[in-house]
Amino acid sequence: MSPEAYTLHDALDAYTNDQSPEAIRSAAARAYAKYQKCSEKAARNLLVTGL
């Protein structure tokens, strides 16, 4: 998966707002799902938090 700008934008926005790693993952997944037209659950399965 390439680091799409919209995914990074939403993940970094959540990160700078001191959200939890899971909230950051969810924000990125929502953005990915929106633009790739897939379910949020499928998008979340593509992303990891590193923790």
C-alpha atoms as a PDB file:
ATOM      1  CA  MET A   1       0.000   0.000   0.000  1.00  0.00           C
ATOM      2  CA  SER A   2       1.366   3.389  -0.906  1.00  0.00           C
ATOM      3  CA  PRO A   3       1.241   6.226   1.624  1.00  0.00           C
ATOM      4  CA  GLU A   4      -1.635   8.149   0.082  1.00  0.00           C
ATOM      5  CA  ALA A   5      -1.657  11.815   1.085  1.00  0.00           C
ATOM      6  CA  TYR A   6      -5.217  11.738   2.425  1.00  0.00           C
ATOM      7  CA  THR A   7      -4.384   8.798   4.690  1.00  0.00           C
ATOM      8  CA  LEU A   8      -1.266  10.489   6.022  1.00  0.00           C
ATOM      9  CA  HIS A   9      -3.112  13.774   6.473  1.00  0.00           C
ATOM     10  CA  ASP A  10      -5.834  12.264   8.641  1.00  0.00           C
ATOM     11  CA  ALA A  11      -3.382  10.110  10.617  1.00  0.00           C
ATOM     12  CA  LEU A  12      -1.094  13.064  11.319  1.00  0.00           C
ATOM     13  CA  ASP A  13      -4.045  15.257  12.233  1.00  0.00           C
ATOM     14  CA  ALA A  14      -5.164  12.678  14.796  1.00  0.00           C
ATOM     15  CA  TYR A  15      -1.573  12.307  16.054  1.00  0.00           C
ATOM     16  CA  THR A  16      -1.122  16.054  16.574  1.00  0.00           C
ATOM     17  CA  ASN A  17      -4.380  16.091  18.526  1.00  0.00           C
ATOM     18  CA  ASP A  18      -2.852  13.561  20.976  1.00  0.00           C
ATOM     19  CA  GLN A  19      -5.247  10.764  20.103  1.00  0.00           C
ATOM     20  CA  SER A  20      -4.555   7.139  20.956  1.00  0.00           C
ATOM     21  CA  PRO A  21      -2.781   4.868  18.458  1.00  0.00           C
ATOM     22  CA  GLU A  22      -6.059   3.082  17.749  1.00  0.00           C
ATOM     23  CA  ALA A  23      -7.829   6.399  17.086  1.00  0.00           C
ATOM     24  CA  ILE A  24      -5.041   7.379  14.700  1.00  0.00           C
ATOM     25  CA  ARG A  25      -5.431   4.048  12.912  1.00  0.00           C
ATOM     26  CA  SER A  26      -9.187   4.544  12.670  1.00  0.00           C
ATOM     27  CA  ALA A  27      -8.811   8.056  11.254  1.00  0.00           C
ATOM     28  CA  ALA A  28      -6.444   6.790   8.572  1.00  0.00           C
ATOM     29  CA  ALA A  29      -8.749   3.850   7.830  1.00  0.00           C
ATOM     30  CA  ARG A  30     -11.766   6.147   7.394  1.00  0.00           C
ATOM     31  CA  ALA A  31      -9.858   8.280   4.900  1.00  0.00           C
ATOM     32  CA  TYR A  32      -8.570   5.243   3.006  1.00  0.00           C
ATOM     33  CA  ALA A  33     -12.035   3.669   2.878  1.00  0.00           C
ATOM     34  CA  LYS A  34     -13.608   6.873   1.610  1.00  0.00           C
ATOM     35  CA  TYR A  35     -11.268   7.347  -1.339  1.00  0.00           C
ATOM     36  CA  GLN A  36     -10.683   3.690  -2.199  1.00  0.00           C
ATOM     37  CA  LYS A  37     -14.400   2.891  -1.892  1.00  0.00           C
ATOM     38  CA  CYS A  38     -13.998  -0.047   0.443  1.00  0.00           C
ATOM     39  CA  SER A  39     -15.335  -0.808   3.879  1.00  0.00           C
ATOM     40  CA  GLU A  40     -13.736   0.814   6.907  1.00  0.00           C
ATOM     41  CA  LYS A  41     -13.169  -2.642   8.377  1.00  0.00           C
ATOM     42  CA  ALA A  42     -11.184  -3.720   5.301  1.00  0.00           C
ATOM     43  CA  ALA A  43      -9.158  -0.516   5.395  1.00  0.00           C
ATOM     44  CA  ARG A  44      -8.433  -0.929   9.110  1.00  0.00           C
ATOM     45  CA  ASN A  45      -7.090  -4.432   8.435  1.00  0.00           C
ATOM     46  CA  LEU A  46      -4.477  -2.914   6.089  1.00  0.00           C
ATOM     47  CA  LEU A  47      -3.125  -0.557   8.733  1.00  0.00           C
ATOM     48  CA  VAL A  48      -1.182  -1.237  11.926  1.00  0.00           C
ATOM     49  CA  THR A  49      -0.311   0.923  14.897  1.00  0.00           C
ATOM     50  CA  GLY A  50       3.132  -0.484  15.589  1.00  0.00           C
ATOM     51  CA  LEU A  51       2.233  -1.162  19.216  1.00  0.00           C
END
